[in-house]
Every structure is written in C-alpha cells, then in structure tokens.
Amino acid sequence: MRISDAVENFMKRCPLKNLSPRSLEFYGETLKHFISRIPRVKFVDELTQEVLDEFILGEMQRNNCVTSINTRLRGIYAFMHFCFKQEYAEGFQLSLLKEDETLKDPYTDEELSRLLKQPRSDQWVEWRSWAAVNTLVATGIRANTLVSIKIIDVDFENNSLRLRKLKNRKQQFIPISRSLKSVLELYLKTWD
C-alpha cells in the first residue's frame, strides 16, 4: 500500500477516536513533514527501522531539539502502530530518543511582581492580560483551558472556577483564592 493511501486511511479513522481538532491537525502536519523527509519511500512496507533512523538523524542534523523530534515521533508512531495493526507493514520496535531533563528557572519575585501588577491604564487589553496571567499563576491551568473560560464559569459565591475544556476532556471545578477572586472581579468591572 502506498504511504499516501495509508495516511489517508489513518486520518479517516482518527475522528472515530473522538480526537480533538488540534490532535487531528498535529497528525496531519506531522505525517506531511515525515513523508516530505523520506521522498524515496513510497510504500508502507518500505518503512523500516533504518528509514526511521535516517529520518531521526536528519532531524538531528537540522539542529532540532530532542523534545521536538520526540513530539514528531509520537505522531509518526501512532501512524506506524495503525499500519502494523492493519497489517500494511511488518511491525518493529519503536522508541523515543532519550532526553536530558532540564529544569526551567522559576520567575524571580521581581518578575512575578511585574507580571501580576495591576494595570494603571484604561486599556481593556491590558486588564484582560493581567487577569489571564493572574489566573494562570494562581491555578496552574493550561492556556487552552484558560481561553475557554466564560463569565458563567466564575462562581464568586462559592469561590470556584468551572473548567470546561481540559486536556482529558473532563470538566471540573477548582477553588479560587481571595486574591484571584478580587482580580477577576476588578477585571469584570472593566467590561461595564
């Protein structure tokens, strides 16, 4: 089977897993990139460990970081497992690259103070950014979760925030602190 046909079959089956639009986009872009890097390989049964090794080495020679390469490999491996299961190709061991664990430096107190400082202007965009940063710092939620929050999700009476769009697709309520509550109340007053 041609790789392009296998990719088409894979992409048709992805919605059956109820994957998010972002996941579908990720698979599409990843497989397009992969195929563009292995132009001599036309059929799925030609995808071997050697082909994958050449792809990985090429990505490394382009100075892509290990984390980026592993992200692409996760998408490629999902496709490969599909091909193995459909018996388009003979299965073989797939593994990610080993990564050095790096710790990110936390914000200094001064940096946090600047980030969390209340705006002095009447520009709504500054107030929105201020409320967003305060919410992220106070709750630790993901940016995608933050942008999906609506006014009705903020419950000032019970000091809670309803999160509707989580990565695991579950909804949950989280408590909000007094300081975050006052930030959100001030922010919402800018809408008047």
N, C-alpha and C. Protein backbone atom coordinates (compact mmCIF):
# COMPACT_ATOMS: atom_id res chain seq x y z
N MET A 1 0.84 -1.18 0.00
CA MET A 1 0.00 0.00 0.00
C MET A 1 0.88 1.25 0.00
N ARG A 2 0.46 2.23 -0.78
CA ARG A 2 1.20 3.49 -0.84
C ARG A 2 1.07 4.21 0.51
N ILE A 3 2.13 4.92 0.90
CA ILE A 3 2.11 5.65 2.17
C ILE A 3 0.98 6.68 2.16
N SER A 4 0.81 7.36 1.04
CA SER A 4 -0.24 8.39 0.97
C SER A 4 -1.62 7.79 1.24
N ASP A 5 -1.87 6.58 0.73
CA ASP A 5 -3.15 5.91 0.97
C ASP A 5 -3.30 5.50 2.43
N ALA A 6 -2.21 5.02 3.02
CA ALA A 6 -2.24 4.63 4.43
C ALA A 6 -2.49 5.84 5.32
N VAL A 7 -1.86 6.97 4.99
CA VAL A 7 -2.08 8.20 5.76
C VAL A 7 -3.54 8.62 5.65
N GLU A 8 -4.08 8.54 4.45
CA GLU A 8 -5.49 8.90 4.25
C GLU A 8 -6.41 8.01 5.10
N ASN A 9 -6.14 6.70 5.11
CA ASN A 9 -6.93 5.78 5.92
C ASN A 9 -6.79 6.10 7.41
N PHE A 10 -5.56 6.39 7.83
CA PHE A 10 -5.29 6.74 9.23
C PHE A 10 -6.07 7.99 9.62
N MET A 11 -5.99 9.02 8.79
CA MET A 11 -6.66 10.29 9.09
C MET A 11 -8.18 10.14 9.08
N LYS A 12 -8.70 9.24 8.26
CA LYS A 12 -10.15 8.99 8.25
C LYS A 12 -10.60 8.32 9.54
N ARG A 13 -9.72 7.49 10.13
CA ARG A 13 -10.08 6.76 11.34
C ARG A 13 -9.89 7.60 12.61
N CYS A 14 -9.04 8.61 12.54
CA CYS A 14 -8.77 9.43 13.73
C CYS A 14 -10.03 10.05 14.34
N PRO A 15 -10.95 10.60 13.54
CA PRO A 15 -12.16 11.15 14.16
C PRO A 15 -13.00 10.10 14.90
N LEU A 16 -12.87 8.84 14.52
CA LEU A 16 -13.61 7.78 15.22
C LEU A 16 -13.13 7.61 16.66
N LYS A 17 -11.93 8.10 16.94
CA LYS A 17 -11.40 8.06 18.31
C LYS A 17 -11.80 9.31 19.09
N ASN A 18 -12.59 10.16 18.43
CA ASN A 18 -13.05 11.42 19.04
C ASN A 18 -11.87 12.30 19.43
N LEU A 19 -10.88 12.37 18.57
CA LEU A 19 -9.71 13.21 18.83
C LEU A 19 -10.08 14.68 18.64
N SER A 20 -9.39 15.52 19.34
CA SER A 20 -9.66 16.95 19.24
C SER A 20 -9.19 17.46 17.88
N PRO A 21 -9.72 18.58 17.43
CA PRO A 21 -9.25 19.17 16.16
C PRO A 21 -7.74 19.45 16.18
N ARG A 22 -7.22 19.83 17.33
CA ARG A 22 -5.76 20.07 17.43
C ARG A 22 -4.97 18.80 17.22
N SER A 23 -5.47 17.68 17.74
CA SER A 23 -4.79 16.40 17.54
C SER A 23 -4.81 15.99 16.07
N LEU A 24 -5.96 16.19 15.43
CA LEU A 24 -6.06 15.87 14.01
C LEU A 24 -5.10 16.72 13.19
N GLU A 25 -5.02 17.98 13.53
CA GLU A 25 -4.10 18.89 12.84
C GLU A 25 -2.65 18.46 13.07
N PHE A 26 -2.34 18.08 14.31
CA PHE A 26 -1.00 17.62 14.65
C PHE A 26 -0.61 16.40 13.82
N TYR A 27 -1.49 15.40 13.75
CA TYR A 27 -1.19 14.20 12.97
C TYR A 27 -0.99 14.54 11.49
N GLY A 28 -1.87 15.36 10.96
CA GLY A 28 -1.76 15.74 9.55
C GLY A 28 -0.44 16.43 9.25
N GLU A 29 -0.08 17.43 10.06
CA GLU A 29 1.18 18.16 9.83
C GLU A 29 2.40 17.27 10.04
N THR A 30 2.35 16.44 11.08
CA THR A 30 3.49 15.57 11.38
C THR A 30 3.73 14.58 10.25
N LEU A 31 2.67 13.95 9.77
CA LEU A 31 2.84 12.96 8.70
C LEU A 31 3.24 13.61 7.38
N LYS A 32 2.75 14.80 7.12
CA LYS A 32 3.17 15.54 5.91
C LYS A 32 4.67 15.83 5.99
N HIS A 33 5.12 16.27 7.15
CA HIS A 33 6.55 16.55 7.35
C HIS A 33 7.38 15.27 7.17
N PHE A 34 6.93 14.19 7.80
CA PHE A 34 7.64 12.91 7.73
C PHE A 34 7.78 12.44 6.29
N ILE A 35 6.69 12.46 5.55
CA ILE A 35 6.71 11.99 4.16
C ILE A 35 7.63 12.87 3.31
N SER A 36 7.63 14.16 3.59
CA SER A 36 8.50 15.07 2.80
C SER A 36 9.98 14.79 3.05
N ARG A 37 10.30 14.22 4.20
CA ARG A 37 11.70 13.94 4.55
C ARG A 37 12.18 12.56 4.07
N ILE A 38 11.24 11.74 3.60
CA ILE A 38 11.62 10.40 3.11
C ILE A 38 11.09 10.21 1.69
N PRO A 39 11.50 11.06 0.75
CA PRO A 39 10.89 11.03 -0.59
C PRO A 39 11.10 9.73 -1.37
N ARG A 40 12.14 9.01 -1.07
CA ARG A 40 12.40 7.77 -1.83
C ARG A 40 11.50 6.62 -1.40
N VAL A 41 10.86 6.74 -0.25
CA VAL A 41 9.99 5.69 0.27
C VAL A 41 8.56 5.98 -0.17
N LYS A 42 8.00 5.07 -0.94
CA LYS A 42 6.66 5.28 -1.49
C LYS A 42 5.60 4.35 -0.88
N PHE A 43 6.04 3.20 -0.37
CA PHE A 43 5.11 2.21 0.13
C PHE A 43 5.33 1.95 1.62
N VAL A 44 4.24 1.62 2.30
CA VAL A 44 4.30 1.43 3.76
C VAL A 44 5.25 0.31 4.13
N ASP A 45 5.26 -0.76 3.36
CA ASP A 45 6.14 -1.88 3.72
C ASP A 45 7.63 -1.54 3.56
N GLU A 46 7.92 -0.36 3.01
CA GLU A 46 9.32 0.10 2.92
C GLU A 46 9.73 0.89 4.15
N LEU A 47 8.76 1.17 5.03
CA LEU A 47 9.07 1.88 6.27
C LEU A 47 9.71 0.90 7.25
N THR A 48 11.00 1.04 7.41
CA THR A 48 11.77 0.14 8.27
C THR A 48 12.44 0.95 9.38
N GLN A 49 13.08 0.23 10.28
CA GLN A 49 13.83 0.89 11.35
C GLN A 49 14.91 1.78 10.75
N GLU A 50 15.52 1.33 9.66
CA GLU A 50 16.57 2.12 9.03
C GLU A 50 16.02 3.45 8.48
N VAL A 51 14.85 3.40 7.88
CA VAL A 51 14.22 4.62 7.36
C VAL A 51 13.94 5.59 8.51
N LEU A 52 13.39 5.07 9.60
CA LEU A 52 13.11 5.93 10.75
C LEU A 52 14.41 6.49 11.34
N ASP A 53 15.45 5.66 11.41
CA ASP A 53 16.73 6.13 11.92
C ASP A 53 17.29 7.26 11.05
N GLU A 54 17.17 7.11 9.73
CA GLU A 54 17.63 8.16 8.82
C GLU A 54 16.83 9.44 9.03
N PHE A 55 15.52 9.29 9.21
CA PHE A 55 14.68 10.46 9.48
C PHE A 55 15.14 11.17 10.75
N ILE A 56 15.34 10.39 11.81
CA ILE A 56 15.76 10.97 13.10
C ILE A 56 17.11 11.66 12.96
N LEU A 57 18.05 11.01 12.30
CA LEU A 57 19.38 11.63 12.11
C LEU A 57 19.27 12.92 11.31
N GLY A 58 18.43 12.92 10.30
CA GLY A 58 18.21 14.14 9.51
C GLY A 58 17.66 15.26 10.36
N GLU A 59 16.71 14.94 11.24
CA GLU A 59 16.14 15.95 12.13
C GLU A 59 17.21 16.47 13.09
N MET A 60 18.06 15.58 13.55
CA MET A 60 19.13 16.00 14.47
C MET A 60 20.15 16.89 13.74
N GLN A 61 20.45 16.56 12.50
CA GLN A 61 21.41 17.36 11.72
C GLN A 61 20.84 18.74 11.41
N ARG A 62 19.53 18.86 11.42
CA ARG A 62 18.90 20.18 11.20
C ARG A 62 18.83 20.96 12.52
N ASN A 63 19.49 20.43 13.54
CA ASN A 63 19.57 21.05 14.87
C ASN A 63 18.21 21.17 15.56
N ASN A 64 17.31 20.25 15.27
CA ASN A 64 16.05 20.21 16.00
C ASN A 64 16.32 19.62 17.39
N CYS A 65 15.69 20.17 18.40
CA CYS A 65 15.93 19.67 19.75
C CYS A 65 15.24 18.31 19.93
N VAL A 66 15.73 17.57 20.89
CA VAL A 66 15.23 16.22 21.14
C VAL A 66 13.74 16.23 21.45
N THR A 67 13.29 17.21 22.21
CA THR A 67 11.87 17.30 22.55
C THR A 67 11.02 17.45 21.29
N SER A 68 11.45 18.29 20.36
CA SER A 68 10.71 18.48 19.10
C SER A 68 10.71 17.20 18.26
N ILE A 69 11.85 16.54 18.20
CA ILE A 69 11.93 15.29 17.44
C ILE A 69 11.00 14.25 18.07
N ASN A 70 11.03 14.12 19.39
CA ASN A 70 10.16 13.14 20.06
C ASN A 70 8.69 13.46 19.85
N THR A 71 8.34 14.73 19.81
CA THR A 71 6.95 15.10 19.55
C THR A 71 6.53 14.60 18.17
N ARG A 72 7.38 14.82 17.18
CA ARG A 72 7.07 14.30 15.83
C ARG A 72 7.00 12.77 15.84
N LEU A 73 7.93 12.15 16.55
CA LEU A 73 7.95 10.68 16.58
C LEU A 73 6.68 10.12 17.19
N ARG A 74 6.12 10.79 18.18
CA ARG A 74 4.86 10.30 18.77
C ARG A 74 3.75 10.24 17.72
N GLY A 75 3.68 11.25 16.87
CA GLY A 75 2.69 11.24 15.80
C GLY A 75 2.98 10.17 14.76
N ILE A 76 4.25 10.05 14.39
CA ILE A 76 4.66 9.03 13.41
C ILE A 76 4.39 7.64 13.95
N TYR A 77 4.68 7.43 15.25
CA TYR A 77 4.50 6.11 15.84
C TYR A 77 3.02 5.74 15.94
N ALA A 78 2.15 6.71 16.17
CA ALA A 78 0.71 6.42 16.17
C ALA A 78 0.30 5.91 14.79
N PHE A 79 0.83 6.56 13.76
CA PHE A 79 0.56 6.13 12.38
C PHE A 79 1.14 4.74 12.13
N MET A 80 2.37 4.52 12.58
CA MET A 80 3.01 3.22 12.37
C MET A 80 2.25 2.09 13.07
N HIS A 81 1.80 2.34 14.30
CA HIS A 81 1.03 1.32 15.02
C HIS A 81 -0.27 1.00 14.26
N PHE A 82 -0.87 2.04 13.69
CA PHE A 82 -2.06 1.82 12.86
C PHE A 82 -1.70 0.91 11.68
N CYS A 83 -0.59 1.19 11.03
CA CYS A 83 -0.16 0.39 9.87
C CYS A 83 0.14 -1.05 10.28
N PHE A 84 0.77 -1.23 11.44
CA PHE A 84 1.06 -2.58 11.91
C PHE A 84 -0.24 -3.33 12.20
N LYS A 85 -1.17 -2.66 12.84
CA LYS A 85 -2.44 -3.28 13.20
C LYS A 85 -3.25 -3.66 11.95
N GLN A 86 -3.19 -2.79 10.93
CA GLN A 86 -3.92 -3.06 9.68
C GLN A 86 -3.16 -4.04 8.79
N GLU A 87 -1.97 -4.43 9.23
CA GLU A 87 -1.08 -5.35 8.50
C GLU A 87 -0.65 -4.78 7.16
N TYR A 88 -0.49 -3.44 7.13
CA TYR A 88 0.08 -2.79 5.95
C TYR A 88 1.60 -2.99 5.93
N ALA A 89 2.16 -3.21 7.10
CA ALA A 89 3.61 -3.37 7.21
C ALA A 89 3.93 -4.30 8.38
N GLU A 90 5.12 -4.86 8.32
CA GLU A 90 5.62 -5.73 9.38
C GLU A 90 6.01 -4.86 10.57
N GLY A 91 5.57 -5.24 11.76
CA GLY A 91 5.86 -4.46 12.96
C GLY A 91 7.31 -4.54 13.40
N PHE A 92 7.78 -3.49 14.03
CA PHE A 92 9.11 -3.47 14.65
C PHE A 92 9.07 -2.53 15.84
N GLN A 93 10.11 -2.59 16.66
CA GLN A 93 10.17 -1.80 17.89
C GLN A 93 10.31 -0.31 17.59
N LEU A 94 9.48 0.48 18.24
CA LEU A 94 9.54 1.94 18.09
C LEU A 94 9.87 2.54 19.45
N SER A 95 10.83 3.45 19.46
CA SER A 95 11.18 4.09 20.74
C SER A 95 11.57 5.54 20.51
N LEU A 96 11.38 6.31 21.56
CA LEU A 96 11.72 7.73 21.51
C LEU A 96 13.18 7.93 21.89
N LEU A 97 13.69 9.10 21.59
CA LEU A 97 15.06 9.44 21.97
C LEU A 97 15.12 9.74 23.46
N LYS A 98 16.24 9.46 24.06
CA LYS A 98 16.43 9.82 25.46
C LYS A 98 16.67 11.32 25.55
N GLU A 99 16.02 11.93 26.53
CA GLU A 99 16.14 13.38 26.70
C GLU A 99 16.82 13.69 28.02
N ASP A 100 17.64 14.72 28.00
CA ASP A 100 18.19 15.23 29.25
C ASP A 100 17.10 16.05 29.92
N GLU A 101 16.90 15.80 31.19
CA GLU A 101 15.88 16.56 31.90
C GLU A 101 16.45 17.92 32.27
N THR A 102 15.74 18.95 31.88
CA THR A 102 16.18 20.30 32.21
C THR A 102 15.11 20.98 33.05
N LEU A 103 15.57 21.65 34.06
CA LEU A 103 14.66 22.40 34.91
C LEU A 103 14.60 23.83 34.41
N LYS A 104 13.41 24.34 34.33
CA LYS A 104 13.25 25.73 33.91
C LYS A 104 13.40 26.61 35.15
N ASP A 105 14.06 27.73 34.97
CA ASP A 105 14.23 28.65 36.07
C ASP A 105 12.87 29.27 36.41
N PRO A 106 12.54 29.28 37.70
CA PRO A 106 11.27 29.92 38.08
C PRO A 106 11.40 31.43 37.97
N TYR A 107 10.26 32.09 37.91
CA TYR A 107 10.28 33.55 37.91
C TYR A 107 10.85 34.05 39.23
N THR A 108 11.55 35.13 39.17
CA THR A 108 12.02 35.77 40.40
C THR A 108 10.84 36.51 41.02
N ASP A 109 11.01 36.90 42.27
CA ASP A 109 9.94 37.66 42.93
C ASP A 109 9.67 38.97 42.18
N GLU A 110 10.73 39.59 41.69
CA GLU A 110 10.57 40.85 40.95
C GLU A 110 9.80 40.62 39.65
N GLU A 111 10.14 39.55 38.93
CA GLU A 111 9.43 39.24 37.68
C GLU A 111 7.95 38.95 37.94
N LEU A 112 7.68 38.16 38.99
CA LEU A 112 6.29 37.86 39.34
C LEU A 112 5.54 39.13 39.71
N SER A 113 6.20 39.98 40.45
CA SER A 113 5.57 41.23 40.85
C SER A 113 5.18 42.07 39.64
N ARG A 114 6.07 42.12 38.65
CA ARG A 114 5.77 42.88 37.42
C ARG A 114 4.64 42.24 36.63
N LEU A 115 4.66 40.90 36.56
CA LEU A 115 3.61 40.20 35.82
C LEU A 115 2.24 40.39 36.45
N LEU A 116 2.19 40.40 37.76
CA LEU A 116 0.92 40.42 38.47
C LEU A 116 0.46 41.82 38.85
N LYS A 117 1.22 42.81 38.45
CA LYS A 117 0.90 44.20 38.81
C LYS A 117 -0.35 44.67 38.07
N GLN A 118 -1.24 45.28 38.84
CA GLN A 118 -2.49 45.79 38.29
C GLN A 118 -2.23 46.90 37.28
N PRO A 119 -2.92 46.88 36.13
CA PRO A 119 -2.73 47.92 35.12
C PRO A 119 -3.16 49.29 35.65
N ARG A 120 -2.52 50.31 35.13
CA ARG A 120 -2.88 51.68 35.52
C ARG A 120 -3.66 52.39 34.41
N SER A 121 -3.65 51.81 33.24
CA SER A 121 -4.36 52.44 32.12
C SER A 121 -5.80 51.97 32.09
N ASP A 122 -6.56 52.52 31.17
CA ASP A 122 -7.93 52.07 30.99
C ASP A 122 -8.07 51.19 29.75
N GLN A 123 -6.95 50.67 29.28
CA GLN A 123 -6.95 49.80 28.10
C GLN A 123 -7.47 48.41 28.50
N TRP A 124 -8.57 48.00 27.90
CA TRP A 124 -9.18 46.71 28.23
C TRP A 124 -8.21 45.55 27.99
N VAL A 125 -7.40 45.62 26.96
CA VAL A 125 -6.47 44.53 26.63
C VAL A 125 -5.47 44.31 27.76
N GLU A 126 -5.00 45.38 28.37
CA GLU A 126 -4.07 45.24 29.49
C GLU A 126 -4.75 44.56 30.67
N TRP A 127 -6.01 44.93 30.92
CA TRP A 127 -6.75 44.31 32.02
C TRP A 127 -6.99 42.82 31.75
N ARG A 128 -7.30 42.51 30.50
CA ARG A 128 -7.51 41.10 30.13
C ARG A 128 -6.23 40.30 30.34
N SER A 129 -5.10 40.84 29.88
CA SER A 129 -3.82 40.15 30.04
C SER A 129 -3.48 39.98 31.52
N TRP A 130 -3.75 41.02 32.29
CA TRP A 130 -3.47 40.97 33.73
C TRP A 130 -4.31 39.87 34.40
N ALA A 131 -5.58 39.81 34.07
CA ALA A 131 -6.46 38.79 34.64
C ALA A 131 -6.02 37.39 34.20
N ALA A 132 -5.62 37.26 32.93
CA ALA A 132 -5.18 35.96 32.41
C ALA A 132 -3.92 35.48 33.12
N VAL A 133 -2.94 36.36 33.26
CA VAL A 133 -1.68 35.98 33.91
C VAL A 133 -1.94 35.62 35.38
N ASN A 134 -2.75 36.41 36.06
CA ASN A 134 -3.08 36.10 37.45
C ASN A 134 -3.77 34.75 37.58
N THR A 135 -4.67 34.45 36.66
CA THR A 135 -5.38 33.17 36.69
C THR A 135 -4.43 32.01 36.43
N LEU A 136 -3.55 32.18 35.46
CA LEU A 136 -2.57 31.12 35.17
C LEU A 136 -1.66 30.86 36.36
N VAL A 137 -1.16 31.92 36.96
CA VAL A 137 -0.24 31.77 38.09
C VAL A 137 -0.97 31.17 39.30
N ALA A 138 -2.19 31.61 39.55
CA ALA A 138 -2.93 31.16 40.73
C ALA A 138 -3.43 29.72 40.61
N THR A 139 -3.72 29.29 39.39
CA THR A 139 -4.36 27.97 39.23
C THR A 139 -3.47 26.92 38.58
N GLY A 140 -2.52 27.35 37.75
CA GLY A 140 -1.67 26.39 37.05
C GLY A 140 -2.35 25.70 35.88
N ILE A 141 -3.48 26.24 35.43
CA ILE A 141 -4.18 25.61 34.31
C ILE A 141 -3.44 25.87 33.00
N ARG A 142 -3.79 25.11 31.99
CA ARG A 142 -3.20 25.28 30.67
C ARG A 142 -3.82 26.49 29.97
N ALA A 143 -3.06 27.05 29.03
CA ALA A 143 -3.54 28.21 28.29
C ALA A 143 -4.83 27.89 27.53
N ASN A 144 -4.93 26.70 26.93
CA ASN A 144 -6.15 26.33 26.20
C ASN A 144 -7.35 26.27 27.12
N THR A 145 -7.13 25.83 28.34
CA THR A 145 -8.22 25.79 29.31
C THR A 145 -8.63 27.21 29.68
N LEU A 146 -7.65 28.07 29.87
CA LEU A 146 -7.92 29.46 30.24
C LEU A 146 -8.79 30.17 29.20
N VAL A 147 -8.43 30.04 27.93
CA VAL A 147 -9.17 30.79 26.90
C VAL A 147 -10.59 30.27 26.70
N SER A 148 -10.89 29.11 27.23
CA SER A 148 -12.26 28.58 27.08
C SER A 148 -13.16 28.97 28.25
N ILE A 149 -12.61 29.65 29.26
CA ILE A 149 -13.42 30.05 30.42
C ILE A 149 -14.36 31.19 30.02
N LYS A 150 -15.60 31.05 30.43
CA LYS A 150 -16.62 32.06 30.18
C LYS A 150 -17.01 32.70 31.53
N ILE A 151 -17.66 33.84 31.46
CA ILE A 151 -18.07 34.54 32.69
C ILE A 151 -18.93 33.63 33.57
N ILE A 152 -19.82 32.86 32.96
CA ILE A 152 -20.69 31.99 33.76
C ILE A 152 -19.92 30.89 34.49
N ASP A 153 -18.66 30.67 34.12
CA ASP A 153 -17.84 29.66 34.78
C ASP A 153 -17.24 30.14 36.10
N VAL A 154 -17.30 31.44 36.33
CA VAL A 154 -16.75 32.01 37.55
C VAL A 154 -17.86 32.11 38.58
N ASP A 155 -17.71 31.39 39.68
CA ASP A 155 -18.72 31.38 40.74
C ASP A 155 -18.14 32.10 41.96
N PHE A 156 -18.47 33.38 42.09
CA PHE A 156 -17.94 34.18 43.20
C PHE A 156 -18.54 33.77 44.54
N GLU A 157 -19.77 33.29 44.53
CA GLU A 157 -20.42 32.88 45.79
C GLU A 157 -19.70 31.69 46.42
N ASN A 158 -19.32 30.72 45.59
CA ASN A 158 -18.66 29.52 46.09
C ASN A 158 -17.14 29.55 45.91
N ASN A 159 -16.64 30.69 45.46
CA ASN A 159 -15.19 30.84 45.23
C ASN A 159 -14.62 29.69 44.40
N SER A 160 -15.25 29.47 43.25
CA SER A 160 -14.79 28.38 42.39
C SER A 160 -14.83 28.79 40.92
N LEU A 161 -14.11 28.03 40.16
CA LEU A 161 -13.99 28.27 38.73
C LEU A 161 -14.28 26.94 38.02
N ARG A 162 -15.20 26.98 37.08
CA ARG A 162 -15.52 25.78 36.32
C ARG A 162 -14.62 25.70 35.10
N LEU A 163 -13.93 24.59 34.96
CA LEU A 163 -13.06 24.36 33.81
C LEU A 163 -13.76 23.38 32.89
N ARG A 164 -14.12 23.86 31.71
CA ARG A 164 -14.88 23.04 30.77
C ARG A 164 -14.00 22.32 29.75
N LYS A 165 -12.86 22.89 29.46
CA LYS A 165 -12.04 22.34 28.38
C LYS A 165 -10.67 21.95 28.93
N LEU A 166 -10.58 20.73 29.40
CA LEU A 166 -9.32 20.19 29.90
C LEU A 166 -8.76 19.20 28.89
N LYS A 167 -7.49 18.94 29.00
CA LYS A 167 -6.86 18.02 28.05
C LYS A 167 -7.50 16.63 28.11
N ASN A 168 -7.90 16.21 29.30
CA ASN A 168 -8.51 14.88 29.44
C ASN A 168 -10.00 14.86 29.11
N ARG A 169 -10.52 16.04 28.65
CA ARG A 169 -11.91 16.21 28.21
C ARG A 169 -12.93 16.10 29.33
N LYS A 170 -12.46 16.12 30.55
CA LYS A 170 -13.37 16.13 31.67
C LYS A 170 -13.56 17.57 32.11
N GLN A 171 -14.63 17.81 32.83
CA GLN A 171 -14.85 19.14 33.39
C GLN A 171 -14.61 19.04 34.89
N GLN A 172 -14.20 20.16 35.46
CA GLN A 172 -14.01 20.15 36.90
C GLN A 172 -14.16 21.56 37.46
N PHE A 173 -14.38 21.61 38.74
CA PHE A 173 -14.42 22.86 39.47
C PHE A 173 -13.14 22.95 40.29
N ILE A 174 -12.54 24.14 40.30
CA ILE A 174 -11.38 24.35 41.14
C ILE A 174 -11.64 25.57 42.03
N PRO A 175 -11.07 25.55 43.22
CA PRO A 175 -11.26 26.71 44.09
C PRO A 175 -10.43 27.89 43.60
N ILE A 176 -10.91 29.09 43.89
CA ILE A 176 -10.12 30.29 43.61
C ILE A 176 -9.85 31.01 44.93
N SER A 177 -8.67 31.54 45.02
CA SER A 177 -8.26 32.24 46.23
C SER A 177 -8.94 33.61 46.31
N ARG A 178 -8.86 34.22 47.48
CA ARG A 178 -9.43 35.56 47.64
C ARG A 178 -8.76 36.55 46.71
N SER A 179 -7.43 36.42 46.59
CA SER A 179 -6.71 37.38 45.73
C SER A 179 -7.11 37.22 44.27
N LEU A 180 -7.27 35.98 43.79
CA LEU A 180 -7.71 35.78 42.40
C LEU A 180 -9.15 36.25 42.24
N LYS A 181 -9.97 36.02 43.24
CA LYS A 181 -11.36 36.47 43.18
C LYS A 181 -11.41 37.99 42.99
N SER A 182 -10.61 38.72 43.75
CA SER A 182 -10.63 40.19 43.61
C SER A 182 -10.08 40.62 42.26
N VAL A 183 -9.11 39.91 41.73
CA VAL A 183 -8.57 40.23 40.40
C VAL A 183 -9.68 40.05 39.35
N LEU A 184 -10.38 38.93 39.43
CA LEU A 184 -11.43 38.65 38.45
C LEU A 184 -12.60 39.63 38.58
N GLU A 185 -12.93 40.01 39.80
CA GLU A 185 -14.00 40.99 39.99
C GLU A 185 -13.60 42.34 39.39
N LEU A 186 -12.37 42.77 39.64
CA LEU A 186 -11.90 44.03 39.05
C LEU A 186 -11.90 43.96 37.53
N TYR A 187 -11.42 42.84 37.00
CA TYR A 187 -11.39 42.66 35.55
C TYR A 187 -12.79 42.76 34.95
N LEU A 188 -13.75 42.07 35.56
CA LEU A 188 -15.11 42.09 35.03
C LEU A 188 -15.75 43.47 35.12
N LYS A 189 -15.32 44.29 36.07
CA LYS A 189 -15.83 45.65 36.16
C LYS A 189 -15.37 46.50 34.96
N THR A 190 -14.26 46.14 34.34
CA THR A 190 -13.78 46.89 33.17
C THR A 190 -14.69 46.69 31.97
N TRP A 191 -15.56 45.70 32.03
CA TRP A 191 -16.48 45.44 30.92
C TRP A 191 -17.66 46.39 30.92
N ASP A 192 -17.89 47.06 32.02
CA ASP A 192 -19.06 47.95 32.12
C ASP A 192 -18.90 49.18 31.29
